[in-house]
Amino acid sequence: QVQLVESGGGLVQAGGSLRLSCAASVSIINSDVMGWYRQAPGKQRELVATITNHGGTVYADSVKGRFAISGDNGKNTWSLQMNSLKPEDTAVYYCDLWRSRWGTDYWGQGTQVTVSS
């Protein structure tokens, strides 16, 4: 059973920074895609950023230039550095591991990020 354990998150003022990390209980392989999603109250879960094992990244337009996703495959972890945070970034953030080799998707338990104005 694959487990993802998140850390980080919390309360920060607008303009501040936070770093989220996710650790997987399995070894990351070439076909895996690691990501972060978020869900604000009353809204659907949305993509924040993804990264492949080869370092290819995708970002939501709303976070480009402010957030950076990175991975450390040797440690089976990936992180999301969030800078210049805005109140609209407030949400529960979930890490995600898409294992395309098996067509399986795994989620972390979620961590709250609250940005005060």
N, C-alpha and C. Protein backbone atom coordinates (compact mmCIF):
# COMPACT_ATOMS: atom_id res chain seq x y z
N GLN A 1 0.84 -1.18 0.00
CA GLN A 1 0.00 0.00 0.00
C GLN A 1 0.89 1.24 0.00
N VAL A 2 0.67 2.11 -0.99
CA VAL A 2 1.44 3.34 -1.08
C VAL A 2 0.89 4.36 -0.10
N GLN A 3 1.78 4.99 0.64
CA GLN A 3 1.37 6.05 1.56
C GLN A 3 2.15 7.32 1.25
N LEU A 4 1.46 8.43 1.32
CA LEU A 4 2.07 9.75 1.14
C LEU A 4 1.87 10.53 2.42
N VAL A 5 2.96 11.06 2.94
CA VAL A 5 2.91 11.82 4.19
C VAL A 5 3.35 13.25 3.92
N GLU A 6 2.45 14.17 4.20
CA GLU A 6 2.73 15.58 3.96
C GLU A 6 3.23 16.26 5.23
N SER A 7 3.98 17.31 5.03
CA SER A 7 4.41 18.16 6.15
C SER A 7 4.48 19.60 5.66
N GLY A 8 4.44 20.52 6.59
CA GLY A 8 4.42 21.93 6.25
C GLY A 8 3.01 22.46 6.35
N GLY A 9 2.80 23.61 5.77
CA GLY A 9 1.50 24.25 5.87
C GLY A 9 1.42 25.09 7.12
N GLY A 10 0.27 25.73 7.30
CA GLY A 10 0.07 26.57 8.47
C GLY A 10 -0.52 27.91 8.10
N LEU A 11 -0.33 28.85 9.00
CA LEU A 11 -0.89 30.20 8.85
C LEU A 11 0.23 31.19 8.54
N VAL A 12 0.03 32.01 7.54
CA VAL A 12 1.03 32.99 7.16
C VAL A 12 0.32 34.26 6.68
N GLN A 13 0.99 35.38 6.82
CA GLN A 13 0.43 36.63 6.32
C GLN A 13 0.64 36.75 4.82
N ALA A 14 -0.19 37.52 4.19
CA ALA A 14 -0.05 37.76 2.75
C ALA A 14 1.35 38.30 2.46
N GLY A 15 1.94 37.76 1.39
CA GLY A 15 3.30 38.13 1.03
C GLY A 15 4.35 37.21 1.60
N GLY A 16 3.95 36.35 2.51
CA GLY A 16 4.87 35.44 3.15
C GLY A 16 5.11 34.18 2.34
N SER A 17 5.87 33.27 2.94
CA SER A 17 6.25 32.03 2.26
C SER A 17 5.99 30.83 3.15
N LEU A 18 5.73 29.71 2.49
CA LEU A 18 5.61 28.42 3.16
C LEU A 18 6.19 27.35 2.25
N ARG A 19 6.60 26.25 2.87
CA ARG A 19 7.11 25.12 2.10
C ARG A 19 6.38 23.87 2.53
N LEU A 20 5.84 23.17 1.55
CA LEU A 20 5.18 21.88 1.78
C LEU A 20 6.08 20.77 1.27
N SER A 21 6.06 19.66 1.98
CA SER A 21 6.83 18.49 1.54
C SER A 21 5.96 17.25 1.59
N CYS A 22 6.27 16.31 0.72
CA CYS A 22 5.54 15.05 0.66
C CYS A 22 6.55 13.92 0.56
N ALA A 23 6.37 12.90 1.37
CA ALA A 23 7.25 11.73 1.35
C ALA A 23 6.44 10.50 0.99
N ALA A 24 6.93 9.75 0.00
CA ALA A 24 6.25 8.53 -0.45
C ALA A 24 6.88 7.31 0.20
N SER A 25 6.06 6.30 0.42
CA SER A 25 6.54 5.06 1.04
C SER A 25 7.11 4.08 0.01
N VAL A 26 7.17 4.52 -1.27
CA VAL A 26 7.70 3.69 -2.34
C VAL A 26 8.77 4.46 -3.08
N SER A 27 9.55 3.75 -3.86
CA SER A 27 10.58 4.39 -4.67
C SER A 27 9.94 5.02 -5.91
N ILE A 28 10.34 6.25 -6.19
CA ILE A 28 9.84 6.95 -7.37
C ILE A 28 10.55 6.38 -8.60
N ILE A 29 9.76 6.07 -9.65
CA ILE A 29 10.34 5.53 -10.88
C ILE A 29 10.11 6.49 -12.03
N ASN A 30 10.69 6.17 -13.19
CA ASN A 30 10.71 7.11 -14.31
C ASN A 30 9.33 7.53 -14.79
N SER A 31 8.36 6.64 -14.69
CA SER A 31 7.04 6.95 -15.24
C SER A 31 6.11 7.65 -14.24
N ASP A 32 6.59 7.91 -13.05
CA ASP A 32 5.76 8.56 -12.03
C ASP A 32 5.67 10.06 -12.27
N VAL A 33 4.54 10.62 -11.89
CA VAL A 33 4.35 12.06 -11.89
C VAL A 33 3.94 12.48 -10.48
N MET A 34 4.65 13.43 -9.93
CA MET A 34 4.39 13.92 -8.57
C MET A 34 3.75 15.30 -8.65
N GLY A 35 2.83 15.56 -7.76
CA GLY A 35 2.15 16.82 -7.87
C GLY A 35 1.57 17.34 -6.57
N TRP A 36 1.05 18.55 -6.70
CA TRP A 36 0.31 19.19 -5.61
C TRP A 36 -1.00 19.73 -6.17
N TYR A 37 -2.04 19.51 -5.42
CA TYR A 37 -3.37 20.04 -5.74
C TYR A 37 -3.88 20.77 -4.52
N ARG A 38 -4.92 21.56 -4.71
CA ARG A 38 -5.51 22.25 -3.57
C ARG A 38 -7.02 22.34 -3.72
N GLN A 39 -7.68 22.46 -2.58
CA GLN A 39 -9.13 22.60 -2.58
C GLN A 39 -9.54 23.64 -1.55
N ALA A 40 -10.12 24.70 -2.05
CA ALA A 40 -10.63 25.76 -1.17
C ALA A 40 -12.07 25.44 -0.80
N PRO A 41 -12.57 26.00 0.29
CA PRO A 41 -13.96 25.73 0.70
C PRO A 41 -14.95 26.07 -0.40
N GLY A 42 -15.83 25.13 -0.68
CA GLY A 42 -16.85 25.35 -1.68
C GLY A 42 -16.38 25.26 -3.11
N LYS A 43 -15.12 24.87 -3.32
CA LYS A 43 -14.58 24.79 -4.67
C LYS A 43 -14.08 23.38 -4.95
N GLN A 44 -13.90 23.10 -6.23
CA GLN A 44 -13.36 21.80 -6.63
C GLN A 44 -11.85 21.77 -6.43
N ARG A 45 -11.34 20.56 -6.27
CA ARG A 45 -9.89 20.39 -6.18
C ARG A 45 -9.27 20.80 -7.50
N GLU A 46 -8.16 21.54 -7.42
CA GLU A 46 -7.51 22.03 -8.64
C GLU A 46 -6.01 21.75 -8.61
N LEU A 47 -5.46 21.63 -9.81
CA LEU A 47 -4.03 21.42 -9.96
C LEU A 47 -3.27 22.66 -9.53
N VAL A 48 -2.19 22.46 -8.79
CA VAL A 48 -1.26 23.54 -8.47
C VAL A 48 0.01 23.39 -9.30
N ALA A 49 0.63 22.23 -9.21
CA ALA A 49 1.87 21.99 -9.96
C ALA A 49 2.16 20.50 -10.00
N THR A 50 2.84 20.08 -11.07
CA THR A 50 3.31 18.71 -11.17
C THR A 50 4.76 18.70 -11.63
N ILE A 51 5.44 17.58 -11.35
CA ILE A 51 6.81 17.40 -11.79
C ILE A 51 7.01 15.93 -12.14
N THR A 52 7.71 15.68 -13.24
CA THR A 52 8.03 14.31 -13.63
C THR A 52 9.38 13.91 -13.05
N ASN A 53 9.67 12.63 -13.20
CA ASN A 53 10.95 12.12 -12.70
C ASN A 53 12.11 12.74 -13.46
N HIS A 54 11.82 13.27 -14.64
CA HIS A 54 12.87 13.89 -15.46
C HIS A 54 12.94 15.40 -15.22
N GLY A 55 12.13 15.90 -14.30
CA GLY A 55 12.21 17.31 -13.96
C GLY A 55 11.28 18.22 -14.73
N GLY A 56 10.44 17.67 -15.59
CA GLY A 56 9.49 18.49 -16.31
C GLY A 56 8.39 18.99 -15.38
N THR A 57 8.06 20.27 -15.46
CA THR A 57 7.08 20.85 -14.54
C THR A 57 5.91 21.48 -15.28
N VAL A 58 4.78 21.50 -14.59
CA VAL A 58 3.57 22.18 -15.05
C VAL A 58 3.03 22.97 -13.87
N TYR A 59 2.61 24.19 -14.12
CA TYR A 59 2.05 25.03 -13.06
C TYR A 59 0.69 25.59 -13.48
N ALA A 60 -0.17 25.76 -12.50
CA ALA A 60 -1.40 26.51 -12.74
C ALA A 60 -1.02 27.97 -12.99
N ASP A 61 -1.77 28.62 -13.86
CA ASP A 61 -1.47 30.02 -14.18
C ASP A 61 -1.46 30.89 -12.93
N SER A 62 -2.32 30.57 -11.99
CA SER A 62 -2.47 31.40 -10.79
C SER A 62 -1.25 31.38 -9.88
N VAL A 63 -0.36 30.39 -10.05
CA VAL A 63 0.79 30.29 -9.16
C VAL A 63 2.13 30.46 -9.88
N LYS A 64 2.08 30.61 -11.19
CA LYS A 64 3.33 30.76 -11.95
C LYS A 64 4.12 31.96 -11.46
N GLY A 65 5.41 31.75 -11.27
CA GLY A 65 6.27 32.83 -10.81
C GLY A 65 6.31 32.99 -9.31
N ARG A 66 5.40 32.32 -8.62
CA ARG A 66 5.36 32.42 -7.15
C ARG A 66 5.67 31.09 -6.46
N PHE A 67 5.23 30.00 -7.07
CA PHE A 67 5.43 28.67 -6.49
C PHE A 67 6.47 27.91 -7.30
N ALA A 68 7.17 27.01 -6.63
CA ALA A 68 8.14 26.17 -7.31
C ALA A 68 8.06 24.76 -6.74
N ILE A 69 7.89 23.79 -7.66
CA ILE A 69 7.85 22.38 -7.26
C ILE A 69 9.21 21.76 -7.53
N SER A 70 9.64 20.91 -6.64
CA SER A 70 10.93 20.23 -6.81
C SER A 70 10.81 18.81 -6.28
N GLY A 71 11.68 17.95 -6.78
CA GLY A 71 11.65 16.56 -6.35
C GLY A 71 13.03 16.06 -5.98
N ASP A 72 13.08 15.13 -5.06
CA ASP A 72 14.32 14.45 -4.67
C ASP A 72 14.03 12.96 -4.74
N ASN A 73 14.23 12.41 -5.93
CA ASN A 73 13.84 11.02 -6.13
C ASN A 73 14.64 10.04 -5.29
N GLY A 74 15.87 10.45 -4.95
CA GLY A 74 16.68 9.57 -4.11
C GLY A 74 16.07 9.39 -2.72
N LYS A 75 15.30 10.39 -2.30
CA LYS A 75 14.64 10.33 -0.99
C LYS A 75 13.14 10.10 -1.13
N ASN A 76 12.65 9.95 -2.37
CA ASN A 76 11.24 9.73 -2.61
C ASN A 76 10.38 10.84 -2.04
N THR A 77 10.84 12.06 -2.19
CA THR A 77 10.11 13.21 -1.68
C THR A 77 9.98 14.27 -2.75
N TRP A 78 8.99 15.12 -2.60
CA TRP A 78 8.87 16.31 -3.43
C TRP A 78 8.30 17.43 -2.59
N SER A 79 8.57 18.65 -3.03
CA SER A 79 8.21 19.80 -2.22
C SER A 79 7.58 20.89 -3.07
N LEU A 80 6.89 21.79 -2.39
CA LEU A 80 6.28 22.94 -3.04
C LEU A 80 6.68 24.17 -2.24
N GLN A 81 7.53 24.99 -2.83
CA GLN A 81 7.91 26.26 -2.21
C GLN A 81 6.92 27.31 -2.67
N MET A 82 6.27 27.93 -1.71
CA MET A 82 5.23 28.92 -2.03
C MET A 82 5.67 30.28 -1.51
N ASN A 83 5.87 31.20 -2.43
CA ASN A 83 6.28 32.56 -2.11
C ASN A 83 5.21 33.56 -2.50
N SER A 84 5.31 34.75 -1.96
CA SER A 84 4.35 35.82 -2.29
C SER A 84 2.92 35.33 -2.15
N LEU A 85 2.64 34.68 -1.05
CA LEU A 85 1.33 34.07 -0.85
C LEU A 85 0.23 35.13 -0.77
N LYS A 86 -0.93 34.75 -1.30
CA LYS A 86 -2.09 35.63 -1.33
C LYS A 86 -3.24 34.97 -0.56
N PRO A 87 -4.17 35.76 -0.07
CA PRO A 87 -5.32 35.16 0.63
C PRO A 87 -6.04 34.11 -0.21
N GLU A 88 -6.08 34.31 -1.52
CA GLU A 88 -6.75 33.34 -2.39
C GLU A 88 -6.00 32.02 -2.53
N ASP A 89 -4.81 31.94 -1.98
CA ASP A 89 -4.09 30.67 -1.95
C ASP A 89 -4.54 29.79 -0.78
N THR A 90 -5.39 30.33 0.07
CA THR A 90 -5.90 29.58 1.21
C THR A 90 -6.66 28.36 0.74
N ALA A 91 -6.27 27.19 1.22
CA ALA A 91 -6.89 25.93 0.80
C ALA A 91 -6.25 24.78 1.56
N VAL A 92 -6.85 23.61 1.40
CA VAL A 92 -6.18 22.38 1.82
C VAL A 92 -5.36 21.89 0.64
N TYR A 93 -4.09 21.66 0.88
CA TYR A 93 -3.17 21.23 -0.18
C TYR A 93 -2.91 19.73 -0.04
N TYR A 94 -3.00 19.04 -1.17
CA TYR A 94 -2.82 17.60 -1.22
C TYR A 94 -1.66 17.25 -2.14
N CYS A 95 -0.79 16.37 -1.69
CA CYS A 95 0.21 15.86 -2.62
C CYS A 95 -0.36 14.63 -3.32
N ASP A 96 0.15 14.40 -4.51
CA ASP A 96 -0.40 13.36 -5.38
C ASP A 96 0.74 12.62 -6.06
N LEU A 97 0.58 11.32 -6.20
CA LEU A 97 1.52 10.50 -6.93
C LEU A 97 0.74 9.70 -7.97
N TRP A 98 0.99 10.02 -9.24
CA TRP A 98 0.35 9.29 -10.34
C TRP A 98 1.37 8.30 -10.90
N ARG A 99 1.00 7.03 -10.78
CA ARG A 99 1.88 5.96 -11.24
C ARG A 99 1.34 5.45 -12.57
N SER A 100 1.80 6.04 -13.66
CA SER A 100 1.22 5.72 -14.96
C SER A 100 1.50 4.29 -15.37
N ARG A 101 2.56 3.71 -14.86
CA ARG A 101 2.89 2.33 -15.22
C ARG A 101 1.77 1.38 -14.82
N TRP A 102 1.10 1.71 -13.70
CA TRP A 102 0.02 0.85 -13.22
C TRP A 102 -1.35 1.52 -13.31
N GLY A 103 -1.39 2.78 -13.74
CA GLY A 103 -2.65 3.50 -13.80
C GLY A 103 -3.26 3.76 -12.44
N THR A 104 -2.42 4.02 -11.46
CA THR A 104 -2.92 4.23 -10.10
C THR A 104 -2.54 5.62 -9.60
N ASP A 105 -3.40 6.15 -8.75
CA ASP A 105 -3.24 7.50 -8.25
C ASP A 105 -3.33 7.47 -6.71
N TYR A 106 -2.41 8.14 -6.06
CA TYR A 106 -2.39 8.15 -4.60
C TYR A 106 -2.35 9.58 -4.09
N TRP A 107 -3.02 9.80 -2.95
CA TRP A 107 -3.13 11.13 -2.37
C TRP A 107 -2.64 11.16 -0.93
N GLY A 108 -2.09 12.32 -0.56
CA GLY A 108 -1.77 12.56 0.83
C GLY A 108 -3.03 12.91 1.60
N GLN A 109 -2.87 13.12 2.90
CA GLN A 109 -4.03 13.37 3.76
C GLN A 109 -4.49 14.82 3.69
N GLY A 110 -3.67 15.69 3.13
CA GLY A 110 -4.02 17.10 3.03
C GLY A 110 -3.45 17.90 4.18
N THR A 111 -3.03 19.12 3.87
CA THR A 111 -2.51 20.02 4.89
C THR A 111 -3.07 21.42 4.63
N GLN A 112 -3.49 22.07 5.69
CA GLN A 112 -4.15 23.37 5.56
C GLN A 112 -3.12 24.48 5.40
N VAL A 113 -3.37 25.32 4.42
CA VAL A 113 -2.60 26.55 4.24
C VAL A 113 -3.58 27.71 4.33
N THR A 114 -3.32 28.62 5.26
CA THR A 114 -4.18 29.78 5.44
C THR A 114 -3.34 31.04 5.32
N VAL A 115 -3.76 31.92 4.42
CA VAL A 115 -3.06 33.17 4.19
C VAL A 115 -3.96 34.31 4.63
N SER A 116 -3.51 35.05 5.61
CA SER A 116 -4.31 36.15 6.13
C SER A 116 -3.94 37.45 5.43
N SER A 117 -4.93 38.31 5.29
CA SER A 117 -4.70 39.58 4.58
C SER A 117 -4.23 40.66 5.53
